[in-house]
Amino acid sequence: MPDDALEQLRWLRTPEGAAATALAAELVEQGLDVLPALARLRAQVGAGHAGPAWELARLRARARPVFGADADVLFLTADTLEQAGRPALAARRARRLRADDADSAADLGCASGTDTVALARAGASVLAVDLDPLARELTAANAEALGVADRVWVVAGDAVELVDAARGGEVAGCGTAVLDPARRAGGRRQLDPDRWSPPWATVAALLDRVPRAVVKVAPGLDHERVPHGVEAEWVSAGGSIVEALLWGRTVSTVWRRASLVRGDAVLELTADADPGPAPSGPVRGWLHEPDPAVIRSGLVSLVATDLGATLVDPTIAYLTSDGPTGSPWVSSYRVDEVLPFNLRKLKALLRTRGVGRVVVKKRGSAIEPETVARQLRGAGAGTATVVVTRVAGAPTALVCDLSDR
């Protein structure tokens, strides 16, 4: 962020800043290129304010598909927009935390205030805490813009120190808490939870000391890290994990949960204990790719049982069965050919079948799907999906959904 980011944000909150941002939004809607747009803005609002107004208008336009009408009044930076979770999911978390009418909540590391606003809208009085003055200003601005400022108190504070001082099921005097550790540093993703900010020790301490809490974690978190009695949930949308959560012991109701966002609905698959692995068997007429939330939560065997399916390999999360399925938990492909993976023979087969356009998927293989797809592309009008994986330990190509036109 520029050195004067806090000053710029405070100006954007003034009536003059709001008018400049409204003008910039009109130029964004008109599709005007950045240079002529900035020239017009400089002429009307001054050189020092044109850039911030234009940037905020652009960020609001980018936020609109996810934040809806709220986006038109939000205060954002590029970093906080990238890091902000989906408001609908923040509201879902807030409702669960507030299920027993818990009246106070701490947002430990409030960033731009997505969770703060969701908790306040759910009826909680929220203490929004952050060491970063820009984050505090953003949260205060957004709470005011969205009409919940009377339920929000924004303060400077260190999540590590507050969790260390937590007693009696409360942190900072609040019986409910949300923590979203920063998992990037210097522009790089931190894979080691001990290098998060705050680190894993603080995450574990919060879950131990404040049983009505939720922590957002990396989707690839090792299951061995999940404390006993804490529910782990993975949420997916559009074929990707959008958040992974650890729920404190008071709000935990199951061992693992996979959740799938479909429009306005959220489907859930749960287990009270480890269901164990699914059985494996030979490839049959259909291949099923489980949703990533199912895979990450370790619940593939529940889907396998429901479909009457088996794994193609004990170490690979592809299922196979005799028929298609309407299950929302898998993407299904008709299997037309099964052959040992050999690029030359695979290309010859596709040419014989008149296939020109190929989508390549992989699991358990070192290939690069885009590279292989280019190598398999031909002159034919047909299409196919090629799945490169292991079957009973052997590198295998499954040619699926063949079409000759």
Foldseek 3Di string as FASTA:
>chain_A
DDPCVQVLLVVCLDPLNVVLLVLLLVCVVVVHDDPVSLVVSCVPNNNVNSVSSNQLSVLLVVCCVQAPPLSSQAGDDPVLSVVDARLLVLLVLLCLLCVVPFAEEEEQACQQNSNVLSNLVNHHQYEYEEQDPSSLSNNCSSCVSVPRNVRYHYDYDALQVQLVPFADQDTPPGLEYEEEWAQDDPNHGNPQQCPTRVHLVSVVSNLVRHQSYKYWDDLQDDPVSQDPQWEWEWEDEPLDTRTIMTHRNVSDDANYKYWYDDPSDIDIDGHRDQPDFFAADAAEFKKKAFRVRCVSRNNLNVVCVVQVWHHLERVWSMIHDHDDDPDPGIDMWGFDDKDADDLVVVLVVCVVLQAAFEQEAEDADPDDRVVSRVSSGDDGPKYWYWYFYDGHRGTMITTTDIDRD
